[in-house]
Amino acid sequence: MTGLAPPKSSAPRFTAGAIFDAIRCASSHLNAGARATEHAARDAEQSYSSALAGMRELNMKLIEMAHDNTEAVFELAHEIASAEAEIWAERAAGSLS
């Protein structure tokens, strides 16, 4: 079996420097992704806090409006009852004379 050459490999050959460069590049991209994820998480937390504060403010305004409306209804009922009492008093006084 003389004269046969070993088969040539078609796979690319990487040097140690190229492998380390690829690892550094991947690590850099991974770190950048981690920073972007942390930033997005902070933004989401701030958005949630802002939304919660807005909802709390809206609820307080709705409660104040309901309170004011309830007071207005009772004031109106009091005025109507007072007016009816005056009308009945006038009628009673007129019928006695």
N, C-alpha and C. Protein backbone atom coordinates (compact mmCIF):
# COMPACT_ATOMS: atom_id res chain seq x y z
N MET A 1 0.80 -1.16 0.00
CA MET A 1 0.00 0.00 0.00
C MET A 1 0.87 1.25 0.00
N THR A 2 1.67 1.26 -0.83
CA THR A 2 2.52 2.44 -0.96
C THR A 2 1.91 3.37 -1.97
N GLY A 3 2.17 4.63 -1.80
CA GLY A 3 1.70 5.63 -2.72
C GLY A 3 0.35 6.22 -2.37
N LEU A 4 -0.27 5.73 -1.31
CA LEU A 4 -1.56 6.32 -0.92
C LEU A 4 -1.33 7.47 0.06
N ALA A 5 -1.94 8.59 -0.26
CA ALA A 5 -1.82 9.76 0.61
C ALA A 5 -2.98 9.75 1.62
N PRO A 6 -2.75 10.27 2.82
CA PRO A 6 -3.84 10.33 3.80
C PRO A 6 -4.95 11.26 3.28
N PRO A 7 -6.17 10.97 3.60
CA PRO A 7 -7.27 11.82 3.11
C PRO A 7 -7.17 13.23 3.70
N LYS A 8 -7.50 14.21 2.87
CA LYS A 8 -7.46 15.59 3.33
C LYS A 8 -8.79 15.92 4.02
N SER A 9 -8.69 16.63 5.11
CA SER A 9 -9.89 17.03 5.86
C SER A 9 -10.42 18.32 5.26
N SER A 10 -11.75 18.37 5.07
CA SER A 10 -12.36 19.58 4.52
C SER A 10 -12.82 20.52 5.64
N ALA A 11 -12.73 20.06 6.89
CA ALA A 11 -13.15 20.89 8.01
C ALA A 11 -12.15 22.03 8.21
N PRO A 12 -12.67 23.23 8.52
CA PRO A 12 -11.75 24.35 8.73
C PRO A 12 -10.95 24.14 10.01
N ARG A 13 -9.77 24.69 10.01
CA ARG A 13 -8.91 24.60 11.18
C ARG A 13 -8.92 25.94 11.89
N PHE A 14 -9.12 25.89 13.18
CA PHE A 14 -9.14 27.12 13.97
C PHE A 14 -7.90 27.17 14.84
N THR A 15 -7.38 28.37 14.96
CA THR A 15 -6.24 28.55 15.85
C THR A 15 -6.76 28.87 17.24
N ALA A 16 -5.93 28.71 18.22
CA ALA A 16 -6.32 29.01 19.59
C ALA A 16 -6.69 30.48 19.72
N GLY A 17 -5.98 31.36 19.04
CA GLY A 17 -6.29 32.80 19.10
C GLY A 17 -7.68 33.10 18.54
N ALA A 18 -8.02 32.43 17.43
CA ALA A 18 -9.34 32.65 16.83
C ALA A 18 -10.45 32.15 17.74
N ILE A 19 -10.22 31.04 18.41
CA ILE A 19 -11.21 30.50 19.34
C ILE A 19 -11.40 31.44 20.52
N PHE A 20 -10.30 31.95 21.08
CA PHE A 20 -10.40 32.89 22.19
C PHE A 20 -11.09 34.19 21.76
N ASP A 21 -10.81 34.66 20.55
CA ASP A 21 -11.48 35.85 20.04
C ASP A 21 -12.99 35.61 19.91
N ALA A 22 -13.38 34.45 19.44
CA ALA A 22 -14.79 34.11 19.31
C ALA A 22 -15.46 34.05 20.68
N ILE A 23 -14.75 33.49 21.66
CA ILE A 23 -15.29 33.40 23.02
C ILE A 23 -15.45 34.80 23.60
N ARG A 24 -14.46 35.67 23.39
CA ARG A 24 -14.54 37.05 23.89
C ARG A 24 -15.72 37.79 23.24
N CYS A 25 -15.88 37.60 21.95
CA CYS A 25 -16.97 38.25 21.22
C CYS A 25 -18.33 37.75 21.74
N ALA A 26 -18.46 36.45 21.91
CA ALA A 26 -19.70 35.88 22.42
C ALA A 26 -19.98 36.38 23.83
N SER A 27 -18.94 36.45 24.66
CA SER A 27 -19.10 36.93 26.03
C SER A 27 -19.53 38.40 26.03
N SER A 28 -18.95 39.19 25.15
CA SER A 28 -19.32 40.60 25.05
C SER A 28 -20.78 40.76 24.65
N HIS A 29 -21.22 39.98 23.68
CA HIS A 29 -22.61 40.03 23.25
C HIS A 29 -23.56 39.53 24.35
N LEU A 30 -23.14 38.53 25.07
CA LEU A 30 -23.95 38.02 26.17
C LEU A 30 -24.10 39.08 27.26
N ASN A 31 -22.99 39.76 27.58
CA ASN A 31 -23.05 40.83 28.58
C ASN A 31 -23.93 41.98 28.12
N ALA A 32 -23.84 42.33 26.84
CA ALA A 32 -24.68 43.40 26.30
C ALA A 32 -26.15 43.00 26.39
N GLY A 33 -26.45 41.75 26.09
CA GLY A 33 -27.82 41.26 26.20
C GLY A 33 -28.32 41.30 27.63
N ALA A 34 -27.45 40.95 28.56
CA ALA A 34 -27.83 40.97 29.98
C ALA A 34 -28.12 42.40 30.43
N ARG A 35 -27.28 43.36 30.00
CA ARG A 35 -27.52 44.76 30.35
C ARG A 35 -28.83 45.26 29.75
N ALA A 36 -29.10 44.88 28.51
CA ALA A 36 -30.36 45.29 27.86
C ALA A 36 -31.55 44.70 28.59
N THR A 37 -31.43 43.47 29.04
CA THR A 37 -32.51 42.82 29.78
C THR A 37 -32.75 43.51 31.12
N GLU A 38 -31.67 43.88 31.81
CA GLU A 38 -31.80 44.59 33.09
C GLU A 38 -32.48 45.95 32.87
N HIS A 39 -32.07 46.63 31.80
CA HIS A 39 -32.66 47.94 31.48
C HIS A 39 -34.15 47.79 31.17
N ALA A 40 -34.50 46.79 30.40
CA ALA A 40 -35.92 46.55 30.07
C ALA A 40 -36.71 46.21 31.33
N ALA A 41 -36.12 45.45 32.24
CA ALA A 41 -36.81 45.10 33.48
C ALA A 41 -37.05 46.36 34.33
N ARG A 42 -36.06 47.24 34.40
CA ARG A 42 -36.23 48.50 35.15
C ARG A 42 -37.33 49.35 34.52
N ASP A 43 -37.32 49.43 33.19
CA ASP A 43 -38.36 50.21 32.49
C ASP A 43 -39.75 49.63 32.76
N ALA A 44 -39.86 48.32 32.73
CA ALA A 44 -41.16 47.67 32.98
C ALA A 44 -41.62 47.96 34.42
N GLU A 45 -40.68 47.90 35.36
CA GLU A 45 -41.02 48.18 36.76
C GLU A 45 -41.49 49.62 36.93
N GLN A 46 -40.81 50.55 36.28
CA GLN A 46 -41.21 51.96 36.36
C GLN A 46 -42.57 52.18 35.71
N SER A 47 -42.81 51.52 34.59
CA SER A 47 -44.11 51.63 33.91
C SER A 47 -45.22 51.08 34.80
N TYR A 48 -44.96 49.96 35.44
CA TYR A 48 -45.95 49.37 36.33
C TYR A 48 -46.24 50.30 37.51
N SER A 49 -45.17 50.89 38.07
CA SER A 49 -45.36 51.81 39.19
C SER A 49 -46.15 53.03 38.77
N SER A 50 -45.86 53.56 37.59
CA SER A 50 -46.59 54.73 37.09
C SER A 50 -48.06 54.38 36.86
N ALA A 51 -48.30 53.22 36.27
CA ALA A 51 -49.68 52.80 36.02
C ALA A 51 -50.43 52.61 37.33
N LEU A 52 -49.78 52.04 38.31
CA LEU A 52 -50.42 51.82 39.61
C LEU A 52 -50.74 53.15 40.28
N ALA A 53 -49.82 54.11 40.19
CA ALA A 53 -50.08 55.43 40.77
C ALA A 53 -51.25 56.10 40.06
N GLY A 54 -51.32 55.97 38.75
CA GLY A 54 -52.43 56.55 38.00
C GLY A 54 -53.76 55.91 38.37
N MET A 55 -53.76 54.60 38.54
CA MET A 55 -54.99 53.90 38.93
C MET A 55 -55.43 54.33 40.33
N ARG A 56 -54.47 54.50 41.23
CA ARG A 56 -54.79 54.92 42.59
C ARG A 56 -55.40 56.33 42.57
N GLU A 57 -54.82 57.22 41.77
CA GLU A 57 -55.33 58.58 41.66
C GLU A 57 -56.75 58.58 41.08
N LEU A 58 -56.96 57.78 40.04
CA LEU A 58 -58.29 57.68 39.45
C LEU A 58 -59.31 57.16 40.47
N ASN A 59 -58.96 56.14 41.21
CA ASN A 59 -59.86 55.60 42.23
C ASN A 59 -60.22 56.64 43.28
N MET A 60 -59.22 57.44 43.71
CA MET A 60 -59.48 58.48 44.69
C MET A 60 -60.46 59.52 44.13
N LYS A 61 -60.28 59.90 42.87
CA LYS A 61 -61.19 60.88 42.25
C LYS A 61 -62.59 60.31 42.13
N LEU A 62 -62.71 59.03 41.76
CA LEU A 62 -64.03 58.40 41.67
C LEU A 62 -64.71 58.34 43.03
N ILE A 63 -63.95 58.06 44.08
CA ILE A 63 -64.51 58.01 45.43
C ILE A 63 -64.97 59.40 45.85
N GLU A 64 -64.16 60.42 45.56
CA GLU A 64 -64.56 61.80 45.89
C GLU A 64 -65.83 62.19 45.14
N MET A 65 -65.92 61.82 43.87
CA MET A 65 -67.12 62.14 43.08
C MET A 65 -68.35 61.44 43.67
N ALA A 66 -68.20 60.18 44.02
CA ALA A 66 -69.32 59.44 44.61
C ALA A 66 -69.74 60.07 45.94
N HIS A 67 -68.77 60.49 46.73
CA HIS A 67 -69.05 61.13 48.01
C HIS A 67 -69.81 62.43 47.79
N ASP A 68 -69.31 63.26 46.87
CA ASP A 68 -69.98 64.54 46.57
C ASP A 68 -71.40 64.31 46.05
N ASN A 69 -71.58 63.34 45.18
CA ASN A 69 -72.91 63.04 44.65
C ASN A 69 -73.85 62.56 45.75
N THR A 70 -73.35 61.75 46.65
CA THR A 70 -74.17 61.25 47.76
C THR A 70 -74.61 62.40 48.65
N GLU A 71 -73.67 63.30 48.96
CA GLU A 71 -74.03 64.47 49.77
C GLU A 71 -75.08 65.32 49.06
N ALA A 72 -74.93 65.50 47.75
CA ALA A 72 -75.89 66.31 46.99
C ALA A 72 -77.27 65.67 47.00
N VAL A 73 -77.34 64.35 46.89
CA VAL A 73 -78.63 63.65 46.92
C VAL A 73 -79.31 63.85 48.27
N PHE A 74 -78.55 63.73 49.36
CA PHE A 74 -79.15 63.91 50.68
C PHE A 74 -79.56 65.35 50.93
N GLU A 75 -78.80 66.31 50.43
CA GLU A 75 -79.19 67.71 50.55
C GLU A 75 -80.48 67.97 49.79
N LEU A 76 -80.59 67.42 48.58
CA LEU A 76 -81.81 67.58 47.80
C LEU A 76 -83.00 66.94 48.51
N ALA A 77 -82.81 65.75 49.03
CA ALA A 77 -83.90 65.08 49.76
C ALA A 77 -84.32 65.91 50.96
N HIS A 78 -83.37 66.52 51.66
CA HIS A 78 -83.67 67.36 52.81
C HIS A 78 -84.47 68.59 52.37
N GLU A 79 -84.06 69.21 51.27
CA GLU A 79 -84.76 70.39 50.76
C GLU A 79 -86.19 70.04 50.33
N ILE A 80 -86.35 68.90 49.67
CA ILE A 80 -87.69 68.48 49.24
C ILE A 80 -88.57 68.22 50.46
N ALA A 81 -88.01 67.52 51.45
CA ALA A 81 -88.78 67.22 52.66
C ALA A 81 -89.15 68.51 53.38
N SER A 82 -88.23 69.46 53.43
CA SER A 82 -88.52 70.74 54.09
C SER A 82 -89.59 71.51 53.33
N ALA A 83 -89.50 71.51 52.00
CA ALA A 83 -90.49 72.22 51.19
C ALA A 83 -91.87 71.59 51.35
N GLU A 84 -91.93 70.27 51.37
CA GLU A 84 -93.21 69.59 51.54
C GLU A 84 -93.81 69.92 52.91
N ALA A 85 -92.95 69.98 53.92
CA ALA A 85 -93.44 70.29 55.27
C ALA A 85 -94.01 71.71 55.29
N GLU A 86 -93.36 72.64 54.62
CA GLU A 86 -93.86 74.02 54.57
C GLU A 86 -95.20 74.08 53.83
N ILE A 87 -95.30 73.35 52.72
CA ILE A 87 -96.55 73.34 51.94
C ILE A 87 -97.69 72.79 52.78
N TRP A 88 -97.42 71.68 53.49
CA TRP A 88 -98.48 71.10 54.33
C TRP A 88 -98.83 72.03 55.49
N ALA A 89 -97.85 72.72 55.99
CA ALA A 89 -98.13 73.66 57.09
C ALA A 89 -98.99 74.81 56.61
N GLU A 90 -98.69 75.33 55.38
CA GLU A 90 -99.49 76.41 54.81
C GLU A 90 -100.91 75.94 54.52
N ARG A 91 -101.03 74.76 53.99
CA ARG A 91 -102.38 74.22 53.71
C ARG A 91 -103.18 74.03 54.99
N ALA A 92 -102.47 73.52 56.00
CA ALA A 92 -103.17 73.30 57.27
C ALA A 92 -103.60 74.64 57.86
N ALA A 93 -102.76 75.63 57.79
CA ALA A 93 -103.10 76.95 58.34
C ALA A 93 -104.24 77.56 57.53
N GLY A 94 -104.25 77.37 56.22
CA GLY A 94 -105.31 77.92 55.37
C GLY A 94 -106.65 77.25 55.58
N SER A 95 -106.63 75.98 55.91
CA SER A 95 -107.89 75.27 56.09
C SER A 95 -108.50 75.58 57.44
N LEU A 96 -107.71 76.00 58.37
CA LEU A 96 -108.22 76.32 59.71
C LEU A 96 -108.87 77.71 59.71
N SER A 97 -108.50 78.56 58.76
CA SER A 97 -109.06 79.90 58.80
C SER A 97 -110.36 80.03 58.08
